[in-house]
Structure formats: structure tokens, C-alpha cells
Amino acid sequence: MRITYESTGPYHRAFKQALAKEGLPLSKVNPKQARRFAEATGKLAKTDRVDTAMLARMTTTLQTSTTLAELILGSFGT
């Protein structure tokens, strides 16, 4: 299992920190890249349900990953 989410400025930071503290695997994706991935797969609708399915597909297809060590060391960004 991997939790993938779009970065949303300061709003995702508390979410990221709470999940990282629990040791859960996270992948943060750029919203613009996620939208382009959706467009490339023919998904033009913008709803929470479509976004969720698209992020899952993107994570699986691109095998995005970030380790807990990367989060702690800060190479993952804010």
C-alpha cells in the first residue's frame, strides 16, 4: 500500500507529517503532472472520485515512491 497525494501548498504539510510519523509510505505528486497524466489517459473530468482513481493509476504506472528516510532528511521537499 502507498498513499499518494497532490501537493497543495501549505495544506498538505500536516497530512504528510502525520502519516510519515506513523511510518506510512507516501508519494507526493505535482498537481500539474497529475493533471497531465490524467489527460494522457483520456480522463478529462475533474471530480474527487476520478482524481482518486487517477492518482492510484499514476502511482502504479510510474511506481512513484518516497522512503521515510527521504522525508526525514528533507529531500522530499515541503
PDB file of N, CA and C in Angstrom:
ATOM      1  N   MET A   1       0.841  -1.174   0.000  1.00  0.00           N
ATOM      2  CA  MET A   1       0.000   0.000   0.000  1.00  0.00           C
ATOM      3  C   MET A   1       0.890   1.243   0.000  1.00  0.00           C
ATOM      4  N   ARG A   2       0.518   2.235  -0.751  1.00  0.00           N
ATOM      5  CA  ARG A   2       1.209   3.520  -0.796  1.00  0.00           C
ATOM      6  C   ARG A   2       0.147   4.602  -0.847  1.00  0.00           C
ATOM      7  N   ILE A   3       0.351   5.656  -0.090  1.00  0.00           N
ATOM      8  CA  ILE A   3      -0.574   6.780  -0.069  1.00  0.00           C
ATOM      9  C   ILE A   3      -0.013   7.852  -0.993  1.00  0.00           C
ATOM     10  N   THR A   4      -0.766   8.182  -2.017  1.00  0.00           N
ATOM     11  CA  THR A   4      -0.349   9.195  -2.983  1.00  0.00           C
ATOM     12  C   THR A   4      -1.276  10.391  -2.867  1.00  0.00           C
ATOM     13  N   TYR A   5      -0.684  11.567  -2.871  1.00  0.00           N
ATOM     14  CA  TYR A   5      -1.477  12.785  -2.757  1.00  0.00           C
ATOM     15  C   TYR A   5      -0.832  13.895  -3.566  1.00  0.00           C
ATOM     16  N   GLU A   6      -1.645  14.875  -3.939  1.00  0.00           N
ATOM     17  CA  GLU A   6      -1.137  16.041  -4.643  1.00  0.00           C
ATOM     18  C   GLU A   6      -0.680  17.076  -3.627  1.00  0.00           C
ATOM     19  N   SER A   7       0.436  17.710  -3.921  1.00  0.00           N
ATOM     20  CA  SER A   7       0.904  18.783  -3.051  1.00  0.00           C
ATOM     21  C   SER A   7      -0.020  19.980  -3.222  1.00  0.00           C
ATOM     22  N   THR A   8      -0.375  20.600  -2.114  1.00  0.00           N
ATOM     23  CA  THR A   8      -1.317  21.714  -2.154  1.00  0.00           C
ATOM     24  C   THR A   8      -0.797  22.870  -1.305  1.00  0.00           C
ATOM     25  N   GLY A   9       0.408  23.305  -1.587  1.00  0.00           N
ATOM     26  CA  GLY A   9       0.987  24.398  -0.811  1.00  0.00           C
ATOM     27  C   GLY A   9       1.098  24.005   0.644  1.00  0.00           C
ATOM     28  N   PRO A  10       0.698  24.877   1.547  1.00  0.00           N
ATOM     29  CA  PRO A  10       0.851  24.583   2.973  1.00  0.00           C
ATOM     30  C   PRO A  10      -0.171  23.566   3.499  1.00  0.00           C
ATOM     31  N   TYR A  11      -1.211  23.286   2.726  1.00  0.00           N
ATOM     32  CA  TYR A  11      -2.296  22.452   3.223  1.00  0.00           C
ATOM     33  C   TYR A  11      -1.936  20.983   3.354  1.00  0.00           C
ATOM     34  N   HIS A  12      -0.990  20.494   2.599  1.00  0.00           N
ATOM     35  CA  HIS A  12      -0.651  19.075   2.675  1.00  0.00           C
ATOM     36  C   HIS A  12       0.384  18.772   3.749  1.00  0.00           C
ATOM     37  N   ARG A  13       1.020  19.769   4.308  1.00  0.00           N
ATOM     38  CA  ARG A  13       2.139  19.538   5.240  1.00  0.00           C
ATOM     39  C   ARG A  13       1.739  18.773   6.495  1.00  0.00           C
ATOM     40  N   ALA A  14       0.669  19.157   7.142  1.00  0.00           N
ATOM     41  CA  ALA A  14       0.225  18.457   8.354  1.00  0.00           C
ATOM     42  C   ALA A  14      -0.153  17.016   8.026  1.00  0.00           C
ATOM     43  N   PHE A  15      -0.810  16.822   6.898  1.00  0.00           N
ATOM     44  CA  PHE A  15      -1.180  15.481   6.428  1.00  0.00           C
ATOM     45  C   PHE A  15       0.067  14.625   6.249  1.00  0.00           C
ATOM     46  N   LYS A  16       1.061  15.181   5.543  1.00  0.00           N
ATOM     47  CA  LYS A  16       2.318  14.468   5.274  1.00  0.00           C
ATOM     48  C   LYS A  16       3.033  14.121   6.576  1.00  0.00           C
ATOM     49  N   GLN A  17       3.121  15.070   7.479  1.00  0.00           N
ATOM     50  CA  GLN A  17       3.837  14.847   8.731  1.00  0.00           C
ATOM     51  C   GLN A  17       3.162  13.780   9.584  1.00  0.00           C
ATOM     52  N   ALA A  18       1.844  13.804   9.653  1.00  0.00           N
ATOM     53  CA  ALA A  18       1.114  12.822  10.455  1.00  0.00           C
ATOM     54  C   ALA A  18       1.307  11.408   9.902  1.00  0.00           C
ATOM     55  N   LEU A  19       1.221  11.252   8.588  1.00  0.00           N
ATOM     56  CA  LEU A  19       1.374   9.924   8.002  1.00  0.00           C
ATOM     57  C   LEU A  19       2.817   9.454   8.064  1.00  0.00           C
ATOM     58  N   ALA A  20       3.770  10.366   7.867  1.00  0.00           N
ATOM     59  CA  ALA A  20       5.180   9.996   7.951  1.00  0.00           C
ATOM     60  C   ALA A  20       5.541   9.568   9.365  1.00  0.00           C
ATOM     61  N   LYS A  21       4.958  10.234  10.354  1.00  0.00           N
ATOM     62  CA  LYS A  21       5.209   9.881  11.756  1.00  0.00           C
ATOM     63  C   LYS A  21       4.776   8.443  12.036  1.00  0.00           C
ATOM     64  N   GLU A  22       3.730   8.005  11.347  1.00  0.00           N
ATOM     65  CA  GLU A  22       3.238   6.636  11.503  1.00  0.00           C
ATOM     66  C   GLU A  22       4.032   5.639  10.656  1.00  0.00           C
ATOM     67  N   GLY A  23       4.960   6.143   9.858  1.00  0.00           N
ATOM     68  CA  GLY A  23       5.779   5.265   9.024  1.00  0.00           C
ATOM     69  C   GLY A  23       5.089   4.766   7.769  1.00  0.00           C
ATOM     70  N   LEU A  24       4.039   5.443   7.347  1.00  0.00           N
ATOM     71  CA  LEU A  24       3.305   5.014   6.158  1.00  0.00           C
ATOM     72  C   LEU A  24       4.022   5.468   4.891  1.00  0.00           C
ATOM     73  N   PRO A  25       4.032   4.635   3.858  1.00  0.00           N
ATOM     74  CA  PRO A  25       4.692   5.006   2.601  1.00  0.00           C
ATOM     75  C   PRO A  25       3.895   6.069   1.857  1.00  0.00           C
ATOM     76  N   LEU A  26       4.578   7.142   1.468  1.00  0.00           N
ATOM     77  CA  LEU A  26       3.924   8.288   0.833  1.00  0.00           C
ATOM     78  C   LEU A  26       4.538   8.600  -0.510  1.00  0.00           C
ATOM     79  N   SER A  27       3.716   9.128  -1.386  1.00  0.00           N
ATOM     80  CA  SER A  27       4.182   9.689  -2.651  1.00  0.00           C
ATOM     81  C   SER A  27       3.451  10.998  -2.870  1.00  0.00           C
ATOM     82  N   LYS A  28       4.216  12.077  -2.960  1.00  0.00           N
ATOM     83  CA  LYS A  28       3.641  13.387  -3.239  1.00  0.00           C
ATOM     84  C   LYS A  28       3.845  13.655  -4.720  1.00  0.00           C
ATOM     85  N   VAL A  29       2.775  14.031  -5.406  1.00  0.00           N
ATOM     86  CA  VAL A  29       2.884  14.316  -6.831  1.00  0.00           C
ATOM     87  C   VAL A  29       2.503  15.766  -7.101  1.00  0.00           C
ATOM     88  N   ASN A  30       3.099  16.322  -8.113  1.00  0.00           N
ATOM     89  CA  ASN A  30       2.819  17.676  -8.548  1.00  0.00           C
ATOM     90  C   ASN A  30       1.435  17.687  -9.196  1.00  0.00           C
ATOM     91  N   PRO A  31       0.540  18.583  -8.778  1.00  0.00           N
ATOM     92  CA  PRO A  31      -0.810  18.614  -9.360  1.00  0.00           C
ATOM     93  C   PRO A  31      -0.809  18.797 -10.879  1.00  0.00           C
ATOM     94  N   LYS A  32       0.111  19.584 -11.396  1.00  0.00           N
ATOM     95  CA  LYS A  32       0.172  19.805 -12.848  1.00  0.00           C
ATOM     96  C   LYS A  32       0.550  18.504 -13.565  1.00  0.00           C
ATOM     97  N   GLN A  33       1.496  17.757 -12.993  1.00  0.00           N
ATOM     98  CA  GLN A  33       1.886  16.477 -13.594  1.00  0.00           C
ATOM     99  C   GLN A  33       0.750  15.466 -13.496  1.00  0.00           C
ATOM    100  N   ALA A  34       0.038  15.488 -12.373  1.00  0.00           N
ATOM    101  CA  ALA A  34      -1.100  14.579 -12.214  1.00  0.00           C
ATOM    102  C   ALA A  34      -2.175  14.890 -13.248  1.00  0.00           C
ATOM    103  N   ARG A  35      -2.424  16.164 -13.479  1.00  0.00           N
ATOM    104  CA  ARG A  35      -3.439  16.558 -14.481  1.00  0.00           C
ATOM    105  C   ARG A  35      -3.007  16.131 -15.876  1.00  0.00           C
ATOM    106  N   ARG A  36      -1.744  16.303 -16.175  1.00  0.00           N
ATOM    107  CA  ARG A  36      -1.247  15.888 -17.494  1.00  0.00           C
ATOM    108  C   ARG A  36      -1.320  14.375 -17.667  1.00  0.00           C
ATOM    109  N   PHE A  37      -1.058  13.639 -16.597  1.00  0.00           N
ATOM    110  CA  PHE A  37      -1.191  12.184 -16.655  1.00  0.00           C
ATOM    111  C   PHE A  37      -2.647  11.824 -16.938  1.00  0.00           C
ATOM    112  N   ALA A  38      -3.570  12.493 -16.246  1.00  0.00           N
ATOM    113  CA  ALA A  38      -4.996  12.232 -16.457  1.00  0.00           C
ATOM    114  C   ALA A  38      -5.390  12.523 -17.897  1.00  0.00           C
ATOM    115  N   GLU A  39      -4.933  13.643 -18.420  1.00  0.00           N
ATOM    116  CA  GLU A  39      -5.248  13.989 -19.810  1.00  0.00           C
ATOM    117  C   GLU A  39      -4.671  12.960 -20.775  1.00  0.00           C
ATOM    118  N   ALA A  40      -3.463  12.487 -20.490  1.00  0.00           N
ATOM    119  CA  ALA A  40      -2.822  11.499 -21.367  1.00  0.00           C
ATOM    120  C   ALA A  40      -3.571  10.174 -21.375  1.00  0.00           C
ATOM    121  N   THR A  41      -4.290   9.889 -20.286  1.00  0.00           N
ATOM    122  CA  THR A  41      -5.053   8.649 -20.216  1.00  0.00           C
ATOM    123  C   THR A  41      -6.507   8.850 -20.627  1.00  0.00           C
ATOM    124  N   GLY A  42      -6.838  10.081 -21.065  1.00  0.00           N
ATOM    125  CA  GLY A  42      -8.185  10.345 -21.560  1.00  0.00           C
ATOM    126  C   GLY A  42      -9.199  10.708 -20.503  1.00  0.00           C
ATOM    127  N   LYS A  43      -8.755  10.951 -19.287  1.00  0.00           N
ATOM    128  CA  LYS A  43      -9.677  11.310 -18.199  1.00  0.00           C
ATOM    129  C   LYS A  43      -9.703  12.826 -18.059  1.00  0.00           C
ATOM    130  N   LEU A  44     -10.735  13.444 -18.593  1.00  0.00           N
ATOM    131  CA  LEU A  44     -10.816  14.893 -18.580  1.00  0.00           C
ATOM    132  C   LEU A  44     -11.721  15.432 -17.475  1.00  0.00           C
ATOM    133  N   ALA A  45     -12.547  14.577 -16.894  1.00  0.00           N
ATOM    134  CA  ALA A  45     -13.424  15.013 -15.803  1.00  0.00           C
ATOM    135  C   ALA A  45     -12.578  15.312 -14.569  1.00  0.00           C
ATOM    136  N   LYS A  46     -13.050  16.241 -13.751  1.00  0.00           N
ATOM    137  CA  LYS A  46     -12.311  16.628 -12.547  1.00  0.00           C
ATOM    138  C   LYS A  46     -13.240  16.486 -11.357  1.00  0.00           C
ATOM    139  N   THR A  47     -13.284  15.283 -10.788  1.00  0.00           N
ATOM    140  CA  THR A  47     -14.067  15.032  -9.581  1.00  0.00           C
ATOM    141  C   THR A  47     -13.171  14.301  -8.588  1.00  0.00           C
ATOM    142  N   ASP A  48     -13.556  14.276  -7.322  1.00  0.00           N
ATOM    143  CA  ASP A  48     -12.758  13.566  -6.317  1.00  0.00           C
ATOM    144  C   ASP A  48     -12.606  12.090  -6.668  1.00  0.00           C
ATOM    145  N   ARG A  49     -13.687  11.473  -7.141  1.00  0.00           N
ATOM    146  CA  ARG A  49     -13.645  10.052  -7.477  1.00  0.00           C
ATOM    147  C   ARG A  49     -12.691   9.791  -8.649  1.00  0.00           C
ATOM    148  N   VAL A  50     -12.771  10.621  -9.671  1.00  0.00           N
ATOM    149  CA  VAL A  50     -11.892  10.472 -10.837  1.00  0.00           C
ATOM    150  C   VAL A  50     -10.443  10.751 -10.430  1.00  0.00           C
ATOM    151  N   ASP A  51     -10.231  11.801  -9.632  1.00  0.00           N
ATOM    152  CA  ASP A  51      -8.872  12.138  -9.181  1.00  0.00           C
ATOM    153  C   ASP A  51      -8.257  11.004  -8.368  1.00  0.00           C
ATOM    154  N   THR A  52      -9.043  10.411  -7.492  1.00  0.00           N
ATOM    155  CA  THR A  52      -8.549   9.315  -6.661  1.00  0.00           C
ATOM    156  C   THR A  52      -8.119   8.124  -7.514  1.00  0.00           C
ATOM    157  N   ALA A  53      -8.957   7.761  -8.453  1.00  0.00           N
ATOM    158  CA  ALA A  53      -8.624   6.635  -9.344  1.00  0.00           C
ATOM    159  C   ALA A  53      -7.405   6.961 -10.195  1.00  0.00           C
ATOM    160  N   MET A  54      -7.316   8.205 -10.660  1.00  0.00           N
ATOM    161  CA  MET A  54      -6.187   8.606 -11.495  1.00  0.00           C
ATOM    162  C   MET A  54      -4.891   8.592 -10.694  1.00  0.00           C
ATOM    163  N   LEU A  55      -4.908   9.081  -9.452  1.00  0.00           N
ATOM    164  CA  LEU A  55      -3.695   9.059  -8.631  1.00  0.00           C
ATOM    165  C   LEU A  55      -3.247   7.624  -8.345  1.00  0.00           C
ATOM    166  N   ALA A  56      -4.191   6.738  -8.130  1.00  0.00           N
ATOM    167  CA  ALA A  56      -3.847   5.326  -7.918  1.00  0.00           C
ATOM    168  C   ALA A  56      -3.208   4.748  -9.178  1.00  0.00           C
ATOM    169  N   ARG A  57      -3.795   5.053 -10.313  1.00  0.00           N
ATOM    170  CA  ARG A  57      -3.237   4.554 -11.586  1.00  0.00           C
ATOM    171  C   ARG A  57      -1.860   5.151 -11.852  1.00  0.00           C
ATOM    172  N   MET A  58      -1.714   6.428 -11.582  1.00  0.00           N
ATOM    173  CA  MET A  58      -0.429   7.096 -11.788  1.00  0.00           C
ATOM    174  C   MET A  58       0.648   6.484 -10.902  1.00  0.00           C
ATOM    175  N   THR A  59       0.311   6.234  -9.648  1.00  0.00           N
ATOM    176  CA  THR A  59       1.262   5.638  -8.711  1.00  0.00           C
ATOM    177  C   THR A  59       1.701   4.253  -9.180  1.00  0.00           C
ATOM    178  N   THR A  60       0.744   3.459  -9.628  1.00  0.00           N
ATOM    179  CA  THR A  60       1.051   2.115 -10.099  1.00  0.00           C
ATOM    180  C   THR A  60       1.857   2.145 -11.387  1.00  0.00           C
ATOM    181  N   THR A  61       1.447   2.985 -12.311  1.00  0.00           N
ATOM    182  CA  THR A  61       2.099   3.062 -13.617  1.00  0.00           C
ATOM    183  C   THR A  61       3.524   3.587 -13.515  1.00  0.00           C
ATOM    184  N   LEU A  62       3.693   4.651 -12.757  1.00  0.00           N
ATOM    185  CA  LEU A  62       5.003   5.289 -12.666  1.00  0.00           C
ATOM    186  C   LEU A  62       5.833   4.793 -11.491  1.00  0.00           C
ATOM    187  N   GLN A  63       5.213   3.967 -10.648  1.00  0.00           N
ATOM    188  CA  GLN A  63       5.871   3.414  -9.471  1.00  0.00           C
ATOM    189  C   GLN A  63       6.533   4.513  -8.656  1.00  0.00           C
ATOM    190  N   THR A  64       5.754   5.554  -8.346  1.00  0.00           N
ATOM    191  CA  THR A  64       6.272   6.643  -7.531  1.00  0.00           C
ATOM    192  C   THR A  64       6.572   6.128  -6.133  1.00  0.00           C
ATOM    193  N   SER A  65       7.611   6.651  -5.540  1.00  0.00           N
ATOM    194  CA  SER A  65       7.937   6.204  -4.187  1.00  0.00           C
ATOM    195  C   SER A  65       8.782   7.244  -3.469  1.00  0.00           C
ATOM    196  N   THR A  66       8.601   7.272  -2.182  1.00  0.00           N
ATOM    197  CA  THR A  66       9.417   8.086  -1.303  1.00  0.00           C
ATOM    198  C   THR A  66       9.572   7.304  -0.011  1.00  0.00           C
ATOM    199  N   THR A  67      10.782   7.203   0.463  1.00  0.00           N
ATOM    200  CA  THR A  67      11.004   6.460   1.690  1.00  0.00           C
ATOM    201  C   THR A  67      10.870   7.381   2.891  1.00  0.00           C
ATOM    202  N   LEU A  68      10.679   6.803   4.048  1.00  0.00           N
ATOM    203  CA  LEU A  68      10.603   7.567   5.276  1.00  0.00           C
ATOM    204  C   LEU A  68      11.904   8.324   5.499  1.00  0.00           C
ATOM    205  N   ALA A  69      13.028   7.710   5.181  1.00  0.00           N
ATOM    206  CA  ALA A  69      14.322   8.379   5.337  1.00  0.00           C
ATOM    207  C   ALA A  69      14.385   9.647   4.485  1.00  0.00           C
ATOM    208  N   GLU A  70      13.867   9.589   3.274  1.00  0.00           N
ATOM    209  CA  GLU A  70      13.848  10.776   2.414  1.00  0.00           C
ATOM    210  C   GLU A  70      12.999  11.879   3.029  1.00  0.00           C
ATOM    211  N   LEU A  71      11.887  11.505   3.640  1.00  0.00           N
ATOM    212  CA  LEU A  71      11.042  12.500   4.286  1.00  0.00           C
ATOM    213  C   LEU A  71      11.768  13.151   5.461  1.00  0.00           C
ATOM    214  N   ILE A  72      12.408  12.325   6.265  1.00  0.00           N
ATOM    215  CA  ILE A  72      13.105  12.834   7.451  1.00  0.00           C
ATOM    216  C   ILE A  72      14.274  13.723   7.037  1.00  0.00           C
ATOM    217  N   LEU A  73      15.007  13.316   6.018  1.00  0.00           N
ATOM    218  CA  LEU A  73      16.168  14.091   5.573  1.00  0.00           C
ATOM    219  C   LEU A  73      15.789  15.316   4.776  1.00  0.00           C
ATOM    220  N   GLY A  74      14.538  15.412   4.362  1.00  0.00           N
ATOM    221  CA  GLY A  74      14.068  16.606   3.693  1.00  0.00           C
ATOM    222  C   GLY A  74      14.268  16.624   2.191  1.00  0.00           C
ATOM    223  N   SER A  75      14.767  15.540   1.617  1.00  0.00           N
ATOM    224  CA  SER A  75      14.975  15.542   0.178  1.00  0.00           C
ATOM    225  C   SER A  75      13.656  15.479  -0.582  1.00  0.00           C
ATOM    226  N   PHE A  76      12.574  15.212   0.138  1.00  0.00           N
ATOM    227  CA  PHE A  76      11.258  15.117  -0.468  1.00  0.00           C
ATOM    228  C   PHE A  76      10.663  16.487  -0.711  1.00  0.00           C
ATOM    229  N   GLY A  77      11.141  17.491  -0.051  1.00  0.00           N
ATOM    230  CA  GLY A  77      10.611  18.840  -0.204  1.00  0.00           C
ATOM    231  C   GLY A  77       9.470  19.115   0.739  1.00  0.00           C
ATOM    232  N   THR A  78       9.001  20.342   0.709  1.00  0.00           N
ATOM    233  CA  THR A  78       7.891  20.727   1.575  1.00  0.00           C
ATOM    234  C   THR A  78       6.689  21.109   0.755  1.00  0.00           C
TER     235      THR A  78
END
